[in-house]
Each structure stands twice: as structure tokens, then as C-alpha cells.
């Protein structure tokens, strides 16, 4: 049998740094603490956080009523739900017609399913059967920053007022277009809504495109993590301020060992309407796609999905900025709409017990669905008594 490779660092010093105990060795099933593989060293450094953050998802399940699948219609990216006057409210992106991509006539065709969207809303007494109430926020007039599409919306209630934040695109919708974030507010969840005249957040202005070709991967300088687009906004009242969490896309975005190079950031304001100032600590994640955040235990929790080396994790930050992984998960729904009426302090993932998501019925049609989840703290075989 060949000898193990020599260590570049004294093994006893490594053991001291890791505070190796017999209990840890037994718990992890390590054969010999004198010979630690790289995997065993990583395992010994895992935080002792238990399994209270670990969950499994079920679904998606079709909705009934007006939010059931409808041929030729896109309903996607549901907001969080709030409960007012005995009813759940949800807002979402809505459009019609087929998608042509960038190969079509971008002046007249629809580039993406979220192109040429307006924001609509619906209500429900049980979260299953929904009534579409109508248009909430429409695209702007020609020449305005939101004249092409308003989409991917989130709701915040604060001090008796209601705020919708959402993505915006200005025509023409070409490959290098820079998405921004808009805001609307009202005294009632039924509106009417007043829109901000200017975006409340824009991409960083420090990347440099290479040439004039409509190619988002050709750059001379990539710039900040959000130099191309700011997406998926969500505003949370936190520590007496307003934290706007968002997804950033970088000019010249690459595929890394974890997939697409997508990360999250935060901008902070003293007032719900801004101005919002980006945190100097951005980016605040190494991975992620849609924003899904909620307050818990004095900090902020975040479900990280789809892209990057830390995808499929739940993370928590005691200060809303410095996030650490608290669980790994699988099969998380896309574009989660949280149930904000849930008791988010009951336990770490209570707010994820049920909510809304969307699915692609096909390339041209999407519909909003329902998901559920459950905590998983033990594993048993069929017929075996649980602990």
C-alpha cells in the first residue's frame, strides 16, 4: 500500500486549528485523524448549525380561477403575497403573444416572455382560487425609462402605505440594453399607483463595451458585478432603514465552475422612495438568481438558487449584508412569491411553508403555480419507526 502524501503543514497544528474532538471524528466517520483528506478537513470546519434550516419542497401545483393556465398568456414572477381585508394579494408580470428573441424584429416583436409586460394583480381568500383584479402599473410613454416593459415586481407595506418595486426596460430592447429598477406607491393595495419619474436604481457605470456589435460578452472592462443589469428587486424595512436587495448582471458575464456569474447586492435608503445608495460591501452573495429574502432573528435570510458555486443554499446574515450558508437544498421553486402573512419568526423557514412560483408551460406561455415545503430533520425507511 502506498504511503499518504507528505503534508506541507504539521498535522498536529492543523488538528489544533480545527479543534478536532473525538465526538467530531465519530460524528463525521473519519477513519484516522492522523491522516485527513482535503474533504475531511473541510468537513471539520463546517459550522455546527444543526438542521433547522433544512427543508424539502413539493409542487408546483396548479392554481384555480383566473390564475389557472391560459393559452397565449404569460403570467410570471409573482410578488410576495400580503393579506389585506381577509384576502391575499399578489402582483405579477403579464404579457401575451409569442417570443422571437433577438433574431426577430426587436422594434415590433417580443424578445423575451417578460418583454412588453405590464404589472397586474389578483386576490384570493385561500391562496388557491384567484380572481384577477386588473392592471396595477403600466409601461411608460414612449421615450420614458420604462416604455418597453415593467416586470418582476415585489410588494412592501410600510406605515400604512404600499410600494411596488420592479424591473424596467426602455426601447429598443437590444442585447446590451441596461435594465433599471422603478417604484410605484399607493394608499391602498388596489391602487391607484403613482410611479417614480426616474428609476430608483441603475447599473454601475464603470464597464466598457468592446466595439459596437450587439454582443454582451465582448468587453474591454467588465466593471462592477451589476454593470449591465439590476434585476429582481425586493425592499425590506430593516434596522430603521430600507434595504433594496437585487440581482446584478455584469457586462461580459462568464460561465464559472458554478455556472452563470450572477450575484446579489443591496442598496440602502432612509426613505422608501429613496435615494438608494449601493452598499460598498457589494456583491453580498457569490451566487443566486431571483431575490427571495425575509427577516429572521434580527437578521435577513436569503434563498439562493439557480446560478453560481453557492447555488441551492439558504443563507443568513445577522446584519443583512454578511451572509453565511446555513443549509443546502434541492428543487427550489423558481421566482418564489413568499407568503408575507406567515409568522417569519416562528422558525427559520416558516415563511416558505407555502407560496407561489411560476412554470414554463412552453417557450411562449408561463403560468403561476403554488408550492409547499416541509422541514426534514430525520431519515427513515418504510416501516421504520422515526426517532
Protein backbone atom coordinates (compact mmCIF):
# COMPACT_ATOMS: atom_id res chain seq x y z
CA UNK A 1 0.00 0.00 0.00
CA UNK A 2 1.39 3.38 -0.96
CA UNK A 3 2.15 5.94 1.72
CA UNK A 4 -0.06 9.02 2.04
CA UNK A 5 1.42 12.19 0.57
CA UNK A 6 3.57 14.29 2.84
CA UNK A 7 1.87 17.26 4.44
CA UNK A 8 3.04 20.81 3.79
CA UNK A 9 1.80 21.79 7.24
CA UNK A 10 2.28 19.91 10.50
CA UNK A 11 -0.78 17.68 11.01
CA UNK A 12 -0.95 18.37 14.73
CA UNK A 13 -1.07 22.11 14.02
CA UNK A 14 -3.95 21.57 11.60
CA UNK A 15 -5.79 19.50 14.19
CA UNK A 16 -5.27 22.22 16.76
CA UNK A 17 -6.64 24.89 14.40
CA UNK A 18 -9.71 22.75 13.69
CA UNK A 19 -10.25 21.82 17.37
CA UNK A 20 -10.70 18.19 16.47
CA UNK A 21 -12.56 16.22 19.11
CA UNK A 22 -13.37 12.54 19.39
CA UNK A 23 -17.06 13.49 19.10
CA UNK A 24 -16.41 15.22 15.76
CA UNK A 25 -14.38 12.30 14.47
CA UNK A 26 -17.17 9.88 15.40
CA UNK A 27 -19.90 12.15 14.00
CA UNK A 28 -18.15 12.51 10.64
CA UNK A 29 -16.98 8.89 10.42
CA UNK A 30 -13.34 9.80 9.86
CA UNK A 31 -11.13 6.70 9.93
CA UNK A 32 -7.91 8.17 11.31
CA UNK A 33 -7.46 11.74 12.49
CA UNK A 34 -3.73 11.47 11.78
CA UNK A 35 -4.48 11.17 8.07
CA UNK A 36 -7.02 13.77 6.97
CA UNK A 37 -8.08 14.09 3.37
CA UNK A 38 -8.93 17.51 1.96
CA UNK A 39 -12.61 16.56 2.20
CA UNK A 40 -12.28 15.63 5.87
CA UNK A 41 -10.51 18.91 6.62
CA UNK A 42 -13.35 20.82 5.00
CA UNK A 43 -15.92 18.78 6.94
CA UNK A 44 -14.20 19.51 10.23
CA UNK A 45 -14.56 23.21 9.53
CA UNK A 46 -18.28 23.06 8.82
CA UNK A 47 -20.27 25.21 11.26
CA UNK A 48 -22.34 23.37 13.85
CA UNK A 49 -25.72 24.82 12.80
CA UNK A 50 -27.99 21.80 13.07
CA UNK A 51 -30.77 21.03 10.61
CA UNK A 52 -33.38 23.67 11.49
CA UNK A 53 -32.82 25.42 8.14
CA UNK A 54 -33.10 22.26 6.02
CA UNK A 55 -36.34 21.85 4.05
CA UNK A 56 -37.77 19.92 1.12
CA UNK A 57 -40.11 21.42 -1.47
CA UNK A 58 -43.20 19.92 -3.11
CA UNK A 59 -45.05 21.08 -6.18
CA UNK A 60 -45.64 23.03 -8.22
CA UNK A 61 -49.43 22.68 -8.08
CA UNK A 62 -51.82 24.46 -10.49
CA UNK A 63 -53.90 27.37 -9.25
CA UNK A 64 -57.60 27.77 -9.88
CA UNK A 65 -59.68 30.65 -11.13
CA UNK A 66 -58.18 33.44 -13.18
CA UNK A 67 -54.57 32.42 -12.47
CA UNK A 68 -55.01 28.96 -13.96
CA UNK A 69 -53.04 28.35 -17.17
CA UNK A 70 -54.40 30.40 -20.07
CA UNK A 71 -53.35 29.74 -23.64
CA UNK A 72 -51.42 32.58 -25.26
CA UNK A 73 -50.83 34.38 -21.95
CA UNK A 74 -47.71 34.91 -19.84
CA UNK A 75 -48.23 35.34 -16.10
CA UNK A 76 -44.94 35.03 -14.25
CA UNK A 77 -42.69 36.27 -11.44
CA UNK A 78 -45.29 36.53 -8.69
CA UNK A 79 -44.56 39.02 -5.94
CA UNK A 80 -44.75 38.12 -2.29
CA UNK A 81 -48.31 37.90 -1.00
CA UNK A 82 -49.74 40.18 1.62
CA UNK A 83 -53.08 39.70 3.35
CA UNK A 84 -55.48 42.65 3.49
CA UNK A 85 -59.20 42.72 4.30
CA UNK A 86 -59.30 38.94 4.59
CA UNK A 87 -57.77 38.37 1.14
CA UNK A 88 -54.34 37.52 -0.20
CA UNK A 89 -52.96 39.96 -2.77
CA UNK A 90 -50.32 39.14 -5.37
CA UNK A 91 -48.80 41.16 -8.23
CA UNK A 92 -47.13 39.69 -11.32
CA UNK A 93 -45.81 40.29 -14.83
CA UNK A 94 -48.36 39.79 -17.61
CA UNK A 95 -47.98 39.78 -21.39
CA UNK A 96 -49.35 37.99 -24.43
CA UNK A 97 -48.00 36.65 -27.68
CA UNK A 98 -45.02 34.60 -28.84
CA UNK A 99 -41.35 35.29 -28.14
CA UNK A 100 -39.00 35.93 -31.06
CA UNK A 101 -35.67 36.53 -29.29
CA UNK A 102 -33.07 38.95 -30.56
CA UNK A 103 -33.24 37.41 -34.02
CA UNK A 104 -36.62 38.95 -34.72
CA UNK A 105 -37.77 42.50 -35.28
CA UNK A 106 -36.94 43.96 -31.88
CA UNK A 107 -38.85 47.15 -32.64
CA UNK A 108 -42.12 45.29 -33.07
CA UNK A 109 -41.71 41.71 -31.83
CA UNK A 110 -41.38 40.35 -28.31
CA UNK A 111 -37.83 39.46 -27.28
CA UNK A 112 -38.42 37.57 -24.02
CA UNK A 113 -41.54 36.35 -22.18
CA UNK A 114 -41.02 39.28 -19.78
CA UNK A 115 -40.83 41.75 -22.67
CA UNK A 116 -43.82 44.07 -23.30
CA UNK A 117 -45.21 43.30 -19.84
CA UNK A 118 -47.39 45.30 -17.52
CA UNK A 119 -47.93 44.60 -13.83
CA UNK A 120 -51.29 43.09 -12.90
CA UNK A 121 -52.69 41.86 -9.60
CA UNK A 122 -55.09 39.24 -8.24
CA UNK A 123 -56.75 38.36 -4.93
CA UNK A 124 -57.70 35.11 -3.19
CA UNK A 125 -59.34 34.02 0.04
CA UNK A 126 -57.50 30.70 0.24
CA UNK A 127 -54.35 31.13 -1.86
CA UNK A 128 -55.59 28.56 -4.38
CA UNK A 129 -58.51 30.11 -6.28
CA UNK A 130 -57.66 33.60 -7.57
CA UNK A 131 -59.55 36.49 -9.09
CA UNK A 132 -57.62 38.72 -11.48
CA UNK A 133 -58.42 42.28 -10.41
CA UNK A 134 -56.77 44.12 -13.30
CA UNK A 135 -53.86 46.34 -14.25
CA UNK A 136 -51.78 47.86 -11.44
CA UNK A 137 -48.77 49.50 -13.16
CA UNK A 138 -48.49 50.02 -16.91
CA UNK A 139 -45.48 50.64 -19.12
CA UNK A 140 -44.47 54.26 -19.56
CA UNK A 141 -45.00 56.53 -22.52
CA UNK A 142 -42.60 56.38 -25.47
CA UNK A 143 -39.23 57.78 -24.52
CA UNK A 144 -39.61 57.14 -20.78
CA UNK A 145 -37.26 54.83 -18.92
CA UNK A 146 -39.94 52.13 -18.62
CA UNK A 147 -41.58 52.40 -22.04
CA UNK A 148 -40.78 48.86 -23.16
CA UNK A 149 -41.63 46.67 -20.16
CA UNK A 150 -42.32 46.71 -16.41
CA UNK A 151 -41.94 43.30 -14.76
CA UNK A 152 -40.64 41.12 -11.90
CA UNK A 153 -42.43 43.03 -9.18
CA UNK A 154 -42.28 42.94 -5.38
CA UNK A 155 -44.59 44.42 -2.75
CA UNK A 156 -43.77 46.15 0.52
CA UNK A 157 -46.23 47.52 3.05
CA UNK A 158 -44.86 50.16 5.40
CA UNK A 159 -46.52 52.69 7.69
CA UNK A 160 -49.93 52.20 6.08
CA UNK A 161 -48.69 52.66 2.51
CA UNK A 162 -47.92 50.17 -0.25
CA UNK A 163 -44.86 50.09 -2.50
CA UNK A 164 -44.19 48.12 -5.67
CA UNK A 165 -40.62 47.87 -6.95
CA UNK A 166 -39.95 46.28 -10.33
CA UNK A 167 -37.62 45.97 -13.30
CA UNK A 168 -37.85 48.32 -16.25
CA UNK A 169 -36.60 48.31 -19.83
CA UNK A 170 -36.50 51.20 -22.27
CA UNK A 171 -36.79 50.58 -26.03
CA UNK A 172 -35.10 49.35 -28.07
CA UNK A 173 -34.74 46.02 -26.27
CA UNK A 174 -31.36 45.01 -27.66
CA UNK A 175 -28.66 42.71 -26.28
CA UNK A 176 -26.77 45.46 -24.48
CA UNK A 177 -29.79 47.25 -23.01
CA UNK A 178 -29.34 48.16 -19.34
CA UNK A 179 -32.29 47.22 -17.13
CA UNK A 180 -33.18 49.54 -14.25
CA UNK A 181 -35.49 49.46 -11.22
CA UNK A 182 -38.65 51.52 -10.81
CA UNK A 183 -41.02 52.19 -7.91
CA UNK A 184 -44.74 52.87 -7.50
CA UNK A 185 -46.73 53.68 -4.36
CA UNK A 186 -50.35 53.84 -3.24
CA UNK A 187 -52.55 54.27 -0.17
CA UNK A 188 -54.39 51.01 -0.95
CA UNK A 189 -53.33 47.64 -2.37
CA UNK A 190 -55.97 48.29 -5.05
CA UNK A 191 -54.23 51.50 -6.13
CA UNK A 192 -54.20 53.90 -7.82
CA UNK A 193 -50.43 53.71 -8.14
CA UNK A 194 -48.09 56.67 -8.60
CA UNK A 195 -44.87 55.83 -10.45
CA UNK A 196 -41.43 57.30 -9.82
CA UNK A 197 -40.45 59.65 -12.64
CA UNK A 198 -36.93 58.26 -12.64
CA UNK A 199 -35.52 54.84 -11.78
CA UNK A 200 -34.58 54.30 -8.14
CA UNK A 201 -31.61 52.08 -9.07
CA UNK A 202 -29.43 51.73 -12.18
CA UNK A 203 -26.49 49.53 -13.20
CA UNK A 204 -22.97 50.58 -12.28
CA UNK A 205 -21.46 52.84 -14.92
CA UNK A 206 -17.93 51.51 -14.91
CA UNK A 207 -17.88 48.77 -17.54
CA UNK A 208 -16.69 49.32 -21.10
CA UNK A 209 -18.14 47.52 -24.10
CA UNK A 210 -15.78 46.36 -26.81
CA UNK A 211 -16.84 47.55 -30.25
CA UNK A 212 -20.36 48.37 -31.38
CA UNK A 213 -21.66 44.86 -32.04
CA UNK A 214 -24.71 43.85 -30.01
CA UNK A 215 -22.75 41.25 -28.04
CA UNK A 216 -22.96 41.33 -24.25
CA UNK A 217 -19.87 39.15 -23.81
CA UNK A 218 -17.46 41.45 -25.63
CA UNK A 219 -15.98 43.92 -23.15
CA UNK A 220 -12.81 45.89 -22.57
CA UNK A 221 -13.62 46.25 -18.88
CA UNK A 222 -16.28 44.24 -17.03
CA UNK A 223 -16.95 46.73 -14.25
CA UNK A 224 -18.89 46.01 -11.07
CA UNK A 225 -21.00 42.89 -10.57
CA UNK A 226 -24.07 44.92 -11.67
CA UNK A 227 -22.54 46.86 -14.57
CA UNK A 228 -25.05 45.51 -17.10
CA UNK A 229 -28.37 44.97 -15.31
CA UNK A 230 -30.09 45.34 -11.97
CA UNK A 231 -32.89 42.77 -11.61
CA UNK A 232 -35.39 41.18 -9.22
CA UNK A 233 -35.72 43.98 -6.65
CA UNK A 234 -37.16 43.48 -3.18
CA UNK A 235 -37.35 46.18 -0.49
CA UNK A 236 -37.42 45.22 3.20
CA UNK A 237 -37.78 47.59 6.15
CA UNK A 238 -34.77 46.74 8.28
CA UNK A 239 -32.97 48.40 11.20
CA UNK A 240 -34.87 51.65 10.71
CA UNK A 241 -33.89 51.87 7.05
CA UNK A 242 -34.99 50.32 3.75
CA UNK A 243 -32.85 47.59 2.21
CA UNK A 244 -33.30 47.10 -1.53
CA UNK A 245 -31.97 43.66 -2.43
CA UNK A 246 -31.36 42.97 -6.11
CA UNK A 247 -29.67 40.69 -8.61
CA UNK A 248 -26.78 42.08 -10.59
CA UNK A 249 -25.62 41.04 -14.05
CA UNK A 250 -22.15 42.03 -15.14
CA UNK A 251 -21.03 43.15 -18.57
CA UNK A 252 -19.10 40.26 -20.10
CA UNK A 253 -20.78 37.81 -17.72
CA UNK A 254 -18.96 34.48 -17.77
CA UNK A 255 -19.63 30.84 -17.06
CA UNK A 256 -17.64 29.82 -13.99
CA UNK A 257 -17.17 26.49 -12.24
CA UNK A 258 -20.57 27.15 -10.65
CA UNK A 259 -22.41 28.22 -13.79
CA UNK A 260 -23.51 31.73 -14.70
CA UNK A 261 -21.69 34.57 -12.96
CA UNK A 262 -24.70 36.02 -11.10
CA UNK A 263 -24.61 37.72 -7.68
CA UNK A 264 -26.78 39.79 -5.38
CA UNK A 265 -26.35 43.28 -3.98
CA UNK A 266 -28.13 45.68 -1.67
CA UNK A 267 -28.83 49.42 -1.73
CA UNK A 268 -29.99 51.25 1.39
CA UNK A 269 -32.22 54.29 1.90
CA UNK A 270 -33.66 56.28 4.79
CA UNK A 271 -36.98 56.64 2.95
CA UNK A 272 -38.97 54.03 0.97
CA UNK A 273 -38.78 56.28 -2.11
CA UNK A 274 -35.02 56.68 -1.83
CA UNK A 275 -32.47 57.78 -2.67
CA UNK A 276 -30.97 54.30 -2.53
CA UNK A 277 -27.20 54.05 -2.07
CA UNK A 278 -25.44 50.83 -3.02
CA UNK A 279 -23.53 49.16 -0.22
CA UNK A 280 -19.72 49.32 -0.51
CA UNK A 281 -19.78 45.64 0.53
CA UNK A 282 -21.48 44.59 -2.75
CA UNK A 283 -21.71 41.95 -4.00
CA UNK A 284 -23.17 40.28 -0.93
CA UNK A 285 -23.50 36.81 -2.49
CA UNK A 286 -21.38 34.62 -4.72
CA UNK A 287 -24.41 33.09 -6.40
CA UNK A 288 -28.12 33.37 -6.93
CA UNK A 289 -30.86 34.35 -9.33
CA UNK A 290 -34.24 35.66 -8.19
CA UNK A 291 -34.24 37.51 -4.89
CA UNK A 292 -36.02 35.71 -2.04
CA UNK A 293 -35.33 37.35 1.32
CA UNK A 294 -37.08 37.56 4.68
CA UNK A 295 -36.34 38.85 8.21
CA UNK A 296 -35.45 36.30 10.87
CA UNK A 297 -33.93 36.53 14.33
CA UNK A 298 -32.67 40.08 13.92
CA UNK A 299 -31.04 39.35 10.56
CA UNK A 300 -32.02 38.60 6.97
CA UNK A 301 -32.36 35.14 5.39
CA UNK A 302 -31.90 34.55 1.66
CA UNK A 303 -32.76 31.60 -0.56
CA UNK A 304 -30.05 31.35 -3.24
CA UNK A 305 -30.97 29.39 -6.37
CA UNK A 306 -30.03 28.50 -9.94
CA UNK A 307 -26.63 30.14 -10.61
CA UNK A 308 -23.12 30.18 -9.16
CA UNK A 309 -20.97 27.97 -6.91
CA UNK A 310 -23.17 28.54 -3.83
CA UNK A 311 -26.49 27.94 -5.55
CA UNK A 312 -29.17 25.84 -3.88
CA UNK A 313 -28.46 27.15 -0.40
CA UNK A 314 -30.24 29.14 2.27
CA UNK A 315 -28.02 31.84 3.74
CA UNK A 316 -28.44 34.15 6.72
CA UNK A 317 -26.81 37.44 7.65
CA UNK A 318 -27.01 38.89 11.18
CA UNK A 319 -26.64 42.38 9.68
CA UNK A 320 -28.42 41.92 6.34
CA UNK A 321 -25.09 42.04 4.46
CA UNK A 322 -22.63 39.37 5.60
CA UNK A 323 -24.34 36.13 4.55
CA UNK A 324 -23.22 32.64 5.53
CA UNK A 325 -24.60 29.31 4.30
CA UNK A 326 -26.98 27.69 6.80
CA UNK A 327 -28.36 24.85 4.66
CA UNK A 328 -28.16 23.22 1.26
CA UNK A 329 -31.42 22.46 -0.52
CA UNK A 330 -32.68 20.99 -3.77
CA UNK A 331 -35.54 21.55 -6.18
CA UNK A 332 -36.34 25.07 -5.00
CA UNK A 333 -39.19 26.69 -6.96
CA UNK A 334 -38.36 29.49 -9.38
CA UNK A 335 -39.25 33.12 -8.75
CA UNK A 336 -40.71 32.47 -5.31
CA UNK A 337 -43.54 34.66 -4.09
CA UNK A 338 -43.34 34.45 -0.30
CA UNK A 339 -46.35 34.48 1.99
CA UNK A 340 -45.58 37.63 3.97
CA UNK A 341 -48.59 37.00 6.21
CA UNK A 342 -46.76 33.99 7.73
CA UNK A 343 -45.06 34.27 11.11
CA UNK A 344 -41.49 34.56 9.85
CA UNK A 345 -40.11 34.40 13.41
CA UNK A 346 -41.84 31.12 14.32
CA UNK A 347 -38.93 29.16 12.89
CA UNK A 348 -36.29 29.91 10.23
CA UNK A 349 -38.22 28.61 7.21
CA UNK A 350 -41.84 29.08 8.32
CA UNK A 351 -42.34 31.71 5.59
CA UNK A 352 -41.57 29.03 2.97
CA UNK A 353 -44.31 26.59 4.04
CA UNK A 354 -46.36 27.63 1.02
CA UNK A 355 -46.14 30.30 -1.63
CA UNK A 356 -46.26 30.99 -5.34
CA UNK A 357 -43.92 30.24 -8.21
CA UNK A 358 -44.12 30.06 -12.00
CA UNK A 359 -43.51 27.40 -14.61
CA UNK A 360 -42.85 27.42 -18.33
CA UNK A 361 -45.83 25.73 -19.97
CA UNK A 362 -43.82 26.20 -23.17
CA UNK A 363 -41.46 28.81 -24.61
CA UNK A 364 -44.25 31.32 -25.13
CA UNK A 365 -46.56 30.71 -22.17
CA UNK A 366 -45.96 30.73 -18.44
CA UNK A 367 -48.37 30.37 -15.55
CA UNK A 368 -48.29 30.97 -11.82
CA UNK A 369 -48.39 27.92 -9.56
CA UNK A 370 -48.36 27.05 -5.86
CA UNK A 371 -45.63 25.25 -3.90
CA UNK A 372 -45.31 23.85 -0.39
CA UNK A 373 -42.39 22.79 1.77
CA UNK A 374 -41.68 20.90 4.96
CA UNK A 375 -38.87 20.67 7.45
CA UNK A 376 -36.84 17.49 7.24
CA UNK A 377 -34.97 16.55 10.41
CA UNK A 378 -34.58 12.76 10.11
CA UNK A 379 -34.49 9.97 7.55
CA UNK A 380 -36.33 6.69 7.95
CA UNK A 381 -37.08 3.74 5.72
CA UNK A 382 -40.60 2.46 5.04
CA UNK A 383 -41.94 0.76 8.15
CA UNK A 384 -39.13 2.05 10.35
CA UNK A 385 -40.05 3.96 13.47
CA UNK A 386 -38.88 7.55 13.42
CA UNK A 387 -36.71 8.98 16.17
